[in-house]
Amino acid sequence: RDNKFRGYSAYETIKMWPNVRRGEERNIFPYQEEADVMFNSALVYELSVLKIFAEPLLVQVPDNAPEFTEALRLLKLLEYFLPITNIEDIPSHSILREFIGRSIFKY
């Protein structure tokens, strides 16, 4: 999503990840148990779909950058998944569309 909608490279996204985690730890995790409802929106097939988008970006992280180790870890994780290349099968109302585009929802 950072690449598709914000123009960030995988390198830039990985570099800012510690700040994202700090924000979650400060503003989300302390309050999540107070929510009226919580649900897991993970989809069984999401990593197979995201694989085709993520791999080309992750291989562009410079091998001399500190973020390369994380890019390599993510690439190795994605090796466990077969790619789903026909994204037309992903419903336009799927939360996964927030990351791959063509959602019916406006952000």
N, C-alpha and C. Protein backbone atom coordinates (compact mmCIF):
# COMPACT_ATOMS: atom_id res chain seq x y z
N ARG A 1 0.83 -1.20 0.00
CA ARG A 1 0.00 0.00 0.00
C ARG A 1 0.87 1.26 0.00
N ASP A 2 1.94 1.23 0.76
CA ASP A 2 2.81 2.41 0.79
C ASP A 2 3.38 2.71 -0.59
N ASN A 3 3.69 1.70 -1.35
CA ASN A 3 4.23 1.92 -2.69
C ASN A 3 3.14 2.35 -3.64
N LYS A 4 2.05 1.64 -3.65
CA LYS A 4 0.98 1.87 -4.63
C LYS A 4 0.28 3.22 -4.43
N PHE A 5 0.05 3.60 -3.19
CA PHE A 5 -0.75 4.80 -2.93
C PHE A 5 0.03 5.98 -2.36
N ARG A 6 1.24 5.73 -1.84
CA ARG A 6 2.03 6.82 -1.25
C ARG A 6 3.36 7.04 -1.96
N GLY A 7 3.70 6.13 -2.86
CA GLY A 7 4.94 6.27 -3.62
C GLY A 7 6.21 5.92 -2.86
N TYR A 8 6.09 5.21 -1.73
CA TYR A 8 7.26 4.82 -0.96
C TYR A 8 7.84 3.52 -1.50
N SER A 9 9.15 3.42 -1.47
CA SER A 9 9.81 2.17 -1.84
C SER A 9 9.74 1.21 -0.65
N ALA A 10 10.08 -0.06 -0.90
CA ALA A 10 10.14 -1.03 0.21
C ALA A 10 11.20 -0.60 1.21
N TYR A 11 12.30 -0.08 0.71
CA TYR A 11 13.37 0.43 1.59
C TYR A 11 12.83 1.50 2.54
N GLU A 12 12.10 2.48 1.98
CA GLU A 12 11.56 3.56 2.81
C GLU A 12 10.54 3.04 3.81
N THR A 13 9.71 2.11 3.39
CA THR A 13 8.70 1.54 4.28
C THR A 13 9.35 0.79 5.43
N ILE A 14 10.33 -0.05 5.12
CA ILE A 14 11.02 -0.80 6.18
C ILE A 14 11.74 0.16 7.11
N LYS A 15 12.33 1.21 6.57
CA LYS A 15 13.06 2.19 7.38
C LYS A 15 12.14 2.90 8.38
N MET A 16 10.90 3.17 7.98
CA MET A 16 9.99 3.87 8.90
C MET A 16 9.23 2.93 9.84
N TRP A 17 9.41 1.62 9.67
CA TRP A 17 8.65 0.66 10.46
C TRP A 17 8.80 0.84 11.97
N PRO A 18 10.00 1.11 12.51
CA PRO A 18 10.09 1.33 13.96
C PRO A 18 9.18 2.45 14.46
N ASN A 19 9.01 3.51 13.68
CA ASN A 19 8.11 4.60 14.08
C ASN A 19 6.65 4.15 14.06
N VAL A 20 6.31 3.33 13.08
CA VAL A 20 4.94 2.79 13.01
C VAL A 20 4.66 1.94 14.24
N ARG A 21 5.61 1.07 14.59
CA ARG A 21 5.44 0.20 15.77
C ARG A 21 5.32 1.04 17.04
N ARG A 22 6.13 2.09 17.17
CA ARG A 22 6.02 2.95 18.36
C ARG A 22 4.63 3.57 18.45
N GLY A 23 4.09 4.00 17.31
CA GLY A 23 2.75 4.57 17.29
C GLY A 23 1.70 3.55 17.71
N GLU A 24 1.84 2.32 17.25
CA GLU A 24 0.90 1.26 17.65
C GLU A 24 0.99 1.00 19.15
N GLU A 25 2.21 0.93 19.66
CA GLU A 25 2.41 0.65 21.08
C GLU A 25 1.89 1.77 21.97
N ARG A 26 1.91 2.98 21.47
CA ARG A 26 1.44 4.13 22.25
C ARG A 26 -0.06 4.37 22.08
N ASN A 27 -0.57 4.21 20.87
CA ASN A 27 -1.93 4.67 20.57
C ASN A 27 -2.96 3.58 20.30
N ILE A 28 -2.53 2.34 20.09
CA ILE A 28 -3.48 1.29 19.76
C ILE A 28 -3.49 0.20 20.82
N PHE A 29 -2.35 -0.45 21.04
CA PHE A 29 -2.31 -1.61 21.93
C PHE A 29 -2.83 -1.33 23.34
N PRO A 30 -2.53 -0.18 23.95
CA PRO A 30 -3.04 0.04 25.31
C PRO A 30 -4.57 0.12 25.38
N TYR A 31 -5.22 0.41 24.26
CA TYR A 31 -6.66 0.64 24.26
C TYR A 31 -7.46 -0.46 23.57
N GLN A 32 -6.80 -1.41 22.93
CA GLN A 32 -7.53 -2.38 22.12
C GLN A 32 -8.48 -3.24 22.93
N GLU A 33 -8.17 -3.52 24.17
CA GLU A 33 -9.06 -4.34 24.99
C GLU A 33 -10.31 -3.58 25.42
N GLU A 34 -10.32 -2.28 25.22
CA GLU A 34 -11.49 -1.46 25.56
C GLU A 34 -12.50 -1.40 24.41
N ALA A 35 -12.14 -1.92 23.27
CA ALA A 35 -13.04 -1.89 22.10
C ALA A 35 -14.27 -2.74 22.36
N ASP A 36 -15.40 -2.31 21.84
CA ASP A 36 -16.63 -3.08 21.98
C ASP A 36 -16.55 -4.38 21.17
N VAL A 37 -15.86 -4.33 20.05
CA VAL A 37 -15.76 -5.49 19.17
C VAL A 37 -14.35 -5.55 18.58
N MET A 38 -13.81 -6.75 18.50
CA MET A 38 -12.54 -6.97 17.80
C MET A 38 -12.72 -8.17 16.89
N PHE A 39 -12.15 -8.10 15.70
CA PHE A 39 -12.19 -9.26 14.82
C PHE A 39 -10.90 -9.33 14.02
N ASN A 40 -10.57 -10.54 13.63
CA ASN A 40 -9.38 -10.78 12.84
C ASN A 40 -9.79 -10.73 11.37
N SER A 41 -9.26 -9.78 10.64
CA SER A 41 -9.64 -9.62 9.23
C SER A 41 -8.65 -10.31 8.28
N ALA A 42 -7.74 -11.11 8.82
CA ALA A 42 -6.76 -11.81 7.97
C ALA A 42 -7.47 -12.77 7.03
N LEU A 43 -6.96 -12.85 5.82
CA LEU A 43 -7.49 -13.78 4.82
C LEU A 43 -6.46 -14.87 4.57
N VAL A 44 -6.92 -16.10 4.44
CA VAL A 44 -6.03 -17.24 4.24
C VAL A 44 -5.12 -17.03 3.03
N TYR A 45 -5.62 -16.39 2.01
CA TYR A 45 -4.88 -16.26 0.75
C TYR A 45 -4.15 -14.93 0.59
N GLU A 46 -4.16 -14.06 1.58
CA GLU A 46 -3.64 -12.72 1.37
C GLU A 46 -2.14 -12.69 1.05
N LEU A 47 -1.33 -13.52 1.68
CA LEU A 47 0.10 -13.49 1.38
C LEU A 47 0.39 -14.00 -0.03
N SER A 48 -0.43 -14.91 -0.53
CA SER A 48 -0.27 -15.37 -1.92
C SER A 48 -0.57 -14.26 -2.91
N VAL A 49 -1.49 -13.39 -2.57
CA VAL A 49 -1.81 -12.24 -3.43
C VAL A 49 -0.73 -11.17 -3.28
N LEU A 50 -0.38 -10.84 -2.05
CA LEU A 50 0.60 -9.78 -1.81
C LEU A 50 1.98 -10.14 -2.34
N LYS A 51 2.27 -11.43 -2.45
CA LYS A 51 3.57 -11.89 -2.94
C LYS A 51 3.93 -11.25 -4.28
N ILE A 52 2.99 -11.20 -5.21
CA ILE A 52 3.30 -10.69 -6.55
C ILE A 52 3.58 -9.19 -6.55
N PHE A 53 3.09 -8.50 -5.54
CA PHE A 53 3.34 -7.06 -5.41
C PHE A 53 4.62 -6.80 -4.61
N ALA A 54 4.84 -7.59 -3.56
CA ALA A 54 5.93 -7.33 -2.62
C ALA A 54 7.30 -7.76 -3.13
N GLU A 55 7.38 -8.91 -3.76
CA GLU A 55 8.69 -9.42 -4.17
C GLU A 55 9.47 -8.46 -5.06
N PRO A 56 8.87 -7.90 -6.11
CA PRO A 56 9.64 -6.98 -6.96
C PRO A 56 10.13 -5.74 -6.20
N LEU A 57 9.40 -5.33 -5.18
CA LEU A 57 9.81 -4.17 -4.40
C LEU A 57 10.92 -4.52 -3.41
N LEU A 58 10.79 -5.68 -2.78
CA LEU A 58 11.77 -6.09 -1.77
C LEU A 58 13.14 -6.36 -2.38
N VAL A 59 13.20 -6.86 -3.60
CA VAL A 59 14.51 -7.14 -4.21
C VAL A 59 15.25 -5.84 -4.58
N GLN A 60 14.56 -4.72 -4.52
CA GLN A 60 15.19 -3.43 -4.82
C GLN A 60 15.87 -2.79 -3.60
N VAL A 61 15.67 -3.36 -2.41
CA VAL A 61 16.32 -2.81 -1.22
C VAL A 61 17.83 -3.04 -1.37
N PRO A 62 18.63 -1.98 -1.27
CA PRO A 62 20.08 -2.12 -1.45
C PRO A 62 20.69 -3.11 -0.44
N ASP A 63 21.57 -3.97 -0.92
CA ASP A 63 22.14 -4.99 -0.04
C ASP A 63 23.13 -4.42 0.98
N ASN A 64 23.49 -3.15 0.84
CA ASN A 64 24.37 -2.52 1.82
C ASN A 64 23.58 -1.68 2.84
N ALA A 65 22.26 -1.67 2.73
CA ALA A 65 21.42 -0.92 3.67
C ALA A 65 21.07 -1.78 4.88
N PRO A 66 20.95 -1.18 6.06
CA PRO A 66 20.55 -1.95 7.24
C PRO A 66 19.19 -2.64 7.05
N GLU A 67 18.34 -2.07 6.22
CA GLU A 67 17.00 -2.61 5.98
C GLU A 67 17.02 -3.86 5.09
N PHE A 68 18.16 -4.16 4.50
CA PHE A 68 18.27 -5.33 3.61
C PHE A 68 17.97 -6.63 4.36
N THR A 69 18.41 -6.73 5.60
CA THR A 69 18.17 -7.95 6.39
C THR A 69 16.68 -8.22 6.52
N GLU A 70 15.91 -7.18 6.79
CA GLU A 70 14.45 -7.35 6.91
C GLU A 70 13.84 -7.67 5.55
N ALA A 71 14.30 -7.04 4.50
CA ALA A 71 13.80 -7.34 3.16
C ALA A 71 14.06 -8.80 2.81
N LEU A 72 15.24 -9.28 3.14
CA LEU A 72 15.59 -10.68 2.88
C LEU A 72 14.71 -11.63 3.70
N ARG A 73 14.46 -11.28 4.95
CA ARG A 73 13.58 -12.10 5.80
C ARG A 73 12.19 -12.20 5.19
N LEU A 74 11.67 -11.08 4.72
CA LEU A 74 10.34 -11.07 4.11
C LEU A 74 10.32 -11.85 2.80
N LEU A 75 11.37 -11.74 2.01
CA LEU A 75 11.45 -12.52 0.77
C LEU A 75 11.47 -14.02 1.06
N LYS A 76 12.20 -14.41 2.08
CA LYS A 76 12.25 -15.83 2.45
C LYS A 76 10.88 -16.31 2.95
N LEU A 77 10.18 -15.47 3.69
CA LEU A 77 8.83 -15.82 4.13
C LEU A 77 7.91 -16.03 2.93
N LEU A 78 7.99 -15.16 1.96
CA LEU A 78 7.12 -15.25 0.78
C LEU A 78 7.41 -16.48 -0.07
N GLU A 79 8.59 -17.08 0.08
CA GLU A 79 8.90 -18.31 -0.66
C GLU A 79 7.96 -19.45 -0.31
N TYR A 80 7.35 -19.40 0.86
CA TYR A 80 6.45 -20.47 1.31
C TYR A 80 5.08 -20.41 0.65
N PHE A 81 4.80 -19.36 -0.10
CA PHE A 81 3.47 -19.16 -0.68
C PHE A 81 3.51 -19.22 -2.19
N LEU A 82 2.53 -19.90 -2.75
CA LEU A 82 2.34 -19.89 -4.20
C LEU A 82 1.66 -18.58 -4.56
N PRO A 83 2.05 -17.96 -5.65
CA PRO A 83 1.43 -16.67 -6.01
C PRO A 83 0.03 -16.86 -6.58
N ILE A 84 -0.84 -15.94 -6.24
CA ILE A 84 -2.15 -15.83 -6.88
C ILE A 84 -2.03 -14.65 -7.82
N THR A 85 -2.03 -14.92 -9.10
CA THR A 85 -1.80 -13.86 -10.08
C THR A 85 -3.08 -13.29 -10.67
N ASN A 86 -4.17 -14.02 -10.57
CA ASN A 86 -5.43 -13.53 -11.12
C ASN A 86 -6.16 -12.72 -10.04
N ILE A 87 -5.76 -11.47 -9.91
CA ILE A 87 -6.35 -10.65 -8.85
C ILE A 87 -7.78 -10.21 -9.18
N GLU A 88 -8.23 -10.50 -10.39
CA GLU A 88 -9.62 -10.22 -10.74
C GLU A 88 -10.57 -11.03 -9.86
N ASP A 89 -10.08 -12.13 -9.30
CA ASP A 89 -10.91 -12.97 -8.44
C ASP A 89 -11.09 -12.39 -7.04
N ILE A 90 -10.31 -11.36 -6.70
CA ILE A 90 -10.43 -10.73 -5.38
C ILE A 90 -11.61 -9.76 -5.44
N PRO A 91 -12.62 -9.95 -4.59
CA PRO A 91 -13.79 -9.06 -4.63
C PRO A 91 -13.40 -7.60 -4.41
N SER A 92 -14.10 -6.71 -5.05
CA SER A 92 -13.80 -5.27 -4.93
C SER A 92 -14.10 -4.73 -3.54
N HIS A 93 -14.88 -5.48 -2.75
CA HIS A 93 -15.18 -5.05 -1.38
C HIS A 93 -14.28 -5.73 -0.34
N SER A 94 -13.30 -6.53 -0.81
CA SER A 94 -12.37 -7.20 0.10
C SER A 94 -11.43 -6.17 0.73
N ILE A 95 -11.12 -6.36 2.00
CA ILE A 95 -10.18 -5.47 2.67
C ILE A 95 -8.80 -5.54 2.01
N LEU A 96 -8.50 -6.65 1.35
CA LEU A 96 -7.23 -6.80 0.65
C LEU A 96 -7.09 -5.76 -0.47
N ARG A 97 -8.20 -5.30 -1.01
CA ARG A 97 -8.17 -4.29 -2.07
C ARG A 97 -7.59 -2.96 -1.58
N GLU A 98 -7.61 -2.73 -0.26
CA GLU A 98 -6.99 -1.53 0.29
C GLU A 98 -5.49 -1.51 -0.04
N PHE A 99 -4.91 -2.68 -0.22
CA PHE A 99 -3.47 -2.80 -0.46
C PHE A 99 -3.12 -2.98 -1.93
N ILE A 100 -4.03 -3.55 -2.73
CA ILE A 100 -3.70 -3.87 -4.12
C ILE A 100 -4.44 -3.00 -5.13
N GLY A 101 -5.37 -2.18 -4.64
CA GLY A 101 -6.09 -1.27 -5.53
C GLY A 101 -7.43 -1.82 -6.01
N ARG A 102 -8.20 -0.92 -6.64
CA ARG A 102 -9.51 -1.20 -7.22
C ARG A 102 -10.55 -1.63 -6.18
N SER A 103 -10.50 -0.98 -5.03
CA SER A 103 -11.50 -1.20 -3.99
C SER A 103 -12.72 -0.34 -4.27
N ILE A 104 -13.87 -0.80 -3.82
CA ILE A 104 -15.07 0.04 -3.92
C ILE A 104 -15.06 1.12 -2.86
N PHE A 105 -14.21 0.96 -1.85
CA PHE A 105 -14.13 1.93 -0.76
C PHE A 105 -13.16 3.05 -1.12
N LYS A 106 -13.43 4.23 -0.63
CA LYS A 106 -12.58 5.40 -0.86
C LYS A 106 -11.78 5.67 0.41
N TYR A 107 -10.49 5.91 0.24
CA TYR A 107 -9.61 6.12 1.39
C TYR A 107 -9.04 7.52 1.35
